[in-house]
Protein backbone atom coordinates (compact mmCIF):
# COMPACT_ATOMS: atom_id res chain seq x y z
CA UNK A 1 -21.35 -21.55 -24.46
CA UNK A 2 -18.93 -23.38 -26.76
CA UNK A 3 -19.67 -25.16 -30.24
CA UNK A 4 -20.29 -28.64 -28.63
CA UNK A 5 -22.88 -27.33 -26.39
CA UNK A 6 -24.51 -25.41 -29.23
CA UNK A 7 -24.68 -28.67 -31.25
CA UNK A 8 -25.91 -30.75 -28.54
CA UNK A 9 -28.89 -28.28 -28.08
CA UNK A 10 -29.55 -28.34 -31.68
CA UNK A 11 -29.77 -32.21 -31.83
CA UNK A 12 -32.49 -32.30 -29.00
CA UNK A 13 -35.29 -31.42 -31.28
CA UNK A 14 -34.46 -34.03 -33.91
CA UNK A 15 -34.44 -36.62 -31.09
CA UNK A 16 -37.48 -35.48 -29.78
CA UNK A 17 -39.06 -35.56 -33.48
CA UNK A 18 -37.67 -39.25 -33.71
CA UNK A 19 -39.26 -40.04 -30.39
CA UNK A 20 -42.83 -38.40 -31.54
CA UNK A 21 -42.56 -40.36 -34.83
CA UNK A 22 -42.22 -43.61 -32.90
CA UNK A 23 -45.33 -42.88 -30.86
CA UNK A 24 -47.51 -42.24 -33.96
CA UNK A 25 -49.59 -44.86 -35.69
CA UNK A 26 -47.95 -46.43 -38.44
CA UNK A 27 -50.29 -44.92 -41.08
CA UNK A 28 -48.60 -41.28 -40.24
CA UNK A 29 -45.32 -42.59 -39.71
CA UNK A 30 -44.01 -42.61 -43.16
CA UNK A 31 -44.88 -39.06 -43.86
CA UNK A 32 -43.18 -37.62 -40.58
CA UNK A 33 -40.32 -40.04 -41.23
CA UNK A 34 -39.96 -38.33 -44.67
CA UNK A 35 -39.75 -35.03 -43.27
CA UNK A 36 -37.34 -36.18 -40.18
CA UNK A 37 -34.95 -37.70 -42.93
CA UNK A 38 -35.18 -34.33 -44.87
CA UNK A 39 -34.28 -32.40 -41.90
CA UNK A 40 -31.68 -34.64 -40.74
CA UNK A 41 -30.06 -34.42 -44.25
CA UNK A 42 -29.21 -30.88 -43.36
CA UNK A 43 -27.41 -31.91 -40.02
CA UNK A 44 -23.85 -32.68 -41.53
CA UNK A 45 -23.96 -29.08 -43.47
CA UNK A 46 -25.07 -27.72 -40.14
CA UNK A 47 -22.30 -29.01 -38.19
CA UNK A 48 -19.91 -28.00 -40.75
CA UNK A 49 -21.31 -24.36 -40.93
CA UNK A 50 -21.89 -23.97 -37.10
CA UNK A 51 -18.35 -23.07 -36.16
CA UNK A 52 -17.99 -20.80 -38.90
CA UNK A 53 -21.12 -19.27 -37.98
CA UNK A 54 -20.02 -18.80 -34.42
CA UNK A 55 -16.62 -17.41 -35.53
CA UNK A 56 -17.66 -13.75 -35.11
CA UNK A 57 -19.19 -14.13 -31.74
CA UNK A 58 -15.97 -16.02 -30.67
CA UNK A 59 -13.69 -13.19 -32.00
CA UNK A 60 -16.15 -10.76 -30.08
CA UNK A 61 -15.52 -12.47 -26.92
CA UNK A 62 -11.60 -12.50 -27.46
CA UNK A 63 -11.63 -8.87 -28.22
CA UNK A 64 -13.67 -8.03 -25.24
CA UNK A 65 -11.16 -10.40 -23.05
CA UNK A 66 -8.15 -8.41 -24.47
CA UNK A 67 -9.74 -4.91 -23.75
CA UNK A 68 -10.60 -6.04 -20.10
CA UNK A 69 -7.00 -7.48 -19.87
CA UNK A 70 -5.68 -3.93 -20.90
CA UNK A 71 -7.91 -2.16 -18.67
CA UNK A 72 -6.85 -4.36 -15.79
CA UNK A 73 -3.17 -3.77 -16.41
CA UNK A 74 -3.64 -0.12 -16.74
CA UNK A 75 -5.33 0.10 -13.45
CA UNK A 76 -2.62 -2.08 -11.71
CA UNK A 77 -0.15 0.20 -13.21
CA UNK A 78 -1.66 3.22 -11.81
CA UNK A 79 -2.02 1.81 -8.46
CA UNK A 80 1.82 0.72 -8.40
CA UNK A 81 2.95 4.28 -9.54
CA UNK A 82 0.32 5.81 -7.03
CA UNK A 83 2.15 3.76 -4.23
CA UNK A 84 5.72 4.49 -5.65
CA UNK A 85 4.65 8.33 -5.50
CA UNK A 86 3.17 8.27 -2.26
CA UNK A 87 6.15 6.16 -0.77
CA UNK A 88 8.68 8.88 -2.30
CA UNK A 89 6.89 11.90 -0.89
CA UNK A 90 6.07 10.42 2.22
CA UNK A 91 10.03 10.61 3.12
CA UNK A 92 9.92 14.31 2.34
CA UNK A 93 8.52 15.76 5.55
CA UNK A 94 10.76 13.73 7.80
CA UNK A 95 13.81 14.92 6.13
CA UNK A 96 13.13 18.57 5.72
CA UNK A 97 15.37 20.71 8.15
CA UNK A 98 18.95 20.99 9.27
CA UNK A 99 21.26 18.23 10.27
CA UNK A 100 24.80 18.23 11.74
CA UNK A 101 27.08 15.17 11.36
CA UNK A 102 27.70 12.96 14.52
CA UNK A 103 31.28 11.91 13.91
CA UNK A 104 31.45 9.48 16.89
CA UNK A 105 28.27 7.34 15.52
CA UNK A 106 29.51 7.63 11.94
CA UNK A 107 31.86 5.04 10.47
CA UNK A 108 34.72 5.98 7.81
CA UNK A 109 37.24 3.55 6.26
CA UNK A 110 39.58 7.00 6.68
CA UNK A 111 39.82 10.13 8.57
CA UNK A 112 36.21 11.64 9.26
CA UNK A 113 35.40 15.39 8.20
CA UNK A 114 35.87 18.13 10.75
CA UNK A 115 32.35 19.12 10.26
CA UNK A 116 29.39 18.55 7.96
CA UNK A 117 26.17 20.26 8.06
CA UNK A 118 23.16 19.37 5.67
CA UNK A 119 20.03 21.26 4.74
CA UNK A 120 16.94 19.91 3.15
CA UNK A 121 13.98 22.23 2.24
CA UNK A 122 11.13 21.65 -0.10
CA UNK A 123 9.65 24.03 -2.75
CA UNK A 124 6.05 24.64 -3.40
CA UNK A 125 6.12 22.48 -6.72
CA UNK A 126 7.52 19.83 -4.80
CA UNK A 127 11.30 19.93 -5.61
CA UNK A 128 13.78 19.00 -2.70
CA UNK A 129 16.78 21.43 -2.47
CA UNK A 130 19.63 19.73 -0.80
CA UNK A 131 22.94 21.25 0.44
CA UNK A 132 25.76 19.80 2.14
CA UNK A 133 28.77 21.86 3.69
CA UNK A 134 31.88 20.00 4.60
CA UNK A 135 35.16 21.12 6.22
CA UNK A 136 37.67 18.12 5.33
CA UNK A 137 40.44 16.68 7.65
CA UNK A 138 42.71 19.50 6.18
CA UNK A 139 40.35 22.21 7.16
CA UNK A 140 39.15 23.04 3.49
CA UNK A 141 35.44 23.84 2.71
CA UNK A 142 33.57 22.16 0.14
CA UNK A 143 29.73 21.90 -0.87
CA UNK A 144 27.11 19.73 -2.72
CA UNK A 145 23.75 21.34 -3.87
CA UNK A 146 21.26 19.54 -5.84
CA UNK A 147 17.52 20.41 -6.61
CA UNK A 148 15.58 17.15 -7.47
CA UNK A 149 12.24 15.07 -6.99
CA UNK A 150 11.86 11.74 -5.51
CA UNK A 151 11.26 10.04 -8.97
CA UNK A 152 14.47 8.07 -9.46
CA UNK A 153 15.26 10.59 -12.44
CA UNK A 154 18.87 12.25 -12.52
CA UNK A 155 19.20 15.93 -11.83
CA UNK A 156 22.43 18.20 -12.01
CA UNK A 157 24.33 18.48 -8.78
CA UNK A 158 26.99 21.16 -8.25
CA UNK A 159 29.92 20.94 -6.06
CA UNK A 160 32.71 23.58 -5.28
CA UNK A 161 34.76 22.76 -8.66
CA UNK A 162 31.85 22.61 -10.95
CA UNK A 163 30.20 25.79 -9.67
CA UNK A 164 33.33 27.46 -10.24
CA UNK A 165 33.63 26.18 -13.76
CA UNK A 166 29.90 27.19 -14.44
CA UNK A 167 30.73 30.59 -13.21
CA UNK A 168 33.76 30.85 -15.67
CA UNK A 169 32.26 29.50 -18.77
CA UNK A 170 28.64 28.20 -18.07
CA UNK A 171 29.83 24.41 -18.21
CA UNK A 172 27.21 22.03 -17.25
CA UNK A 173 28.13 20.05 -14.06
CA UNK A 174 29.27 16.38 -15.16
CA UNK A 175 27.70 15.11 -11.73
CA UNK A 176 23.93 14.19 -11.20
CA UNK A 177 21.89 13.29 -8.14
CA UNK A 178 18.70 10.79 -8.04
CA UNK A 179 16.59 9.71 -5.28
CA UNK A 180 14.35 6.61 -5.53
CA UNK A 181 11.28 5.84 -3.35
CA UNK A 182 11.26 2.73 -1.46
CA UNK A 183 8.31 0.76 0.10
CA UNK A 184 9.54 2.29 3.38
CA UNK A 185 8.02 5.92 4.04
CA UNK A 186 11.28 7.29 5.73
CA UNK A 187 13.60 5.80 3.39
CA UNK A 188 14.93 6.30 0.05
CA UNK A 189 17.73 5.07 -2.34
CA UNK A 190 20.14 7.61 -3.78
CA UNK A 191 22.65 7.54 -6.50
CA UNK A 192 25.53 10.02 -7.51
CA UNK A 193 26.76 9.79 -11.25
CA UNK A 194 29.72 11.47 -13.09
CA UNK A 195 29.47 11.31 -16.89
CA UNK A 196 26.50 8.83 -16.57
CA UNK A 197 28.38 6.35 -14.28
CA UNK A 198 27.71 5.76 -10.90
CA UNK A 199 30.09 7.11 -8.61
CA UNK A 200 28.48 6.76 -5.32
CA UNK A 201 25.07 5.23 -4.05
CA UNK A 202 23.37 4.17 -0.93
CA UNK A 203 20.21 4.46 1.20
CA UNK A 204 19.13 7.26 3.19
CA UNK A 205 16.61 7.21 6.17
CA UNK A 206 15.13 9.01 9.09
CA UNK A 207 14.40 7.73 12.53
CA UNK A 208 11.01 6.99 13.96
CA UNK A 209 11.29 10.16 16.52
CA UNK A 210 12.66 12.34 13.35
CA UNK A 211 15.70 13.36 15.23
CA UNK A 212 18.23 11.28 13.30
CA UNK A 213 19.02 11.00 9.69
CA UNK A 214 21.54 8.26 8.50
CA UNK A 215 22.74 7.48 5.09
CA UNK A 216 25.07 5.01 3.71
CA UNK A 217 27.62 5.73 0.86
CA UNK A 218 28.85 2.61 -1.23
CA UNK A 219 31.93 3.18 -3.60
CA UNK A 220 34.71 1.49 -5.09
CA UNK A 221 38.55 1.77 -4.02
CA UNK A 222 41.33 1.93 -6.41
CA UNK A 223 41.76 -1.81 -6.52
CA UNK A 224 37.91 -2.24 -7.43
CA UNK A 225 36.97 -3.33 -3.90
CA UNK A 226 33.75 -2.24 -1.99
CA UNK A 227 33.88 0.43 0.24
CA UNK A 228 31.08 1.74 2.55
CA UNK A 229 30.53 4.81 4.63
CA UNK A 230 27.96 5.47 7.33
CA UNK A 231 26.79 8.91 8.14
CA UNK A 232 24.84 9.59 11.04
CA UNK A 233 23.20 13.17 11.65
CA UNK A 234 21.59 14.96 14.71
CA UNK A 235 18.77 17.17 13.80
CA UNK A 236 19.56 20.87 14.78
CA UNK A 237 16.54 22.59 13.09
CA UNK A 238 13.48 22.18 11.15
């Protein structure tokens, strides 16, 4: 109840007193009238003091509202995080296995690699290990390997050159890889960085029947223009 409502409730007894006084015989009216006047004399002070007396209760209500709001925000945040986590891990079982590039269905701005094979497996603690082995147009082999969770964080990624440098002088690879969950259970976003700057990015998804994996690769050319690749893979093993 607000302050005005309380004041109205307090005024009701005084109004009742006045009505009763009006109905009492005249000989008793004077004494009652004098009592009413004394009581009524306290009304201005009471009206002034009432908001001050109600401040503690108002503060308690405000604190409760803030506490309830904080609790609601925490609950919503937990639900969102849970949904994001489920979306990210839901993509994991679909992508686990071995895949071979289907050159005919893929789209490349330039020459396509001769061969590319990819493998994804899941460790007991929820880490995805991804390996890609490529034979380029000139017949040279190369590989990429990462071990990451689907949580949007950057994880080290090795290729042929950075692995050789690591073997020579234990240099940390400059390249990182991240997978970001989406609302679609079979799809993630991915980002490759070098020195903290985005080199490649795109989306990766698995078909409904589980036999086709595709991903886009977005990058920039030497002139700063956008370039997009489409890789399509056929499942060759689980």
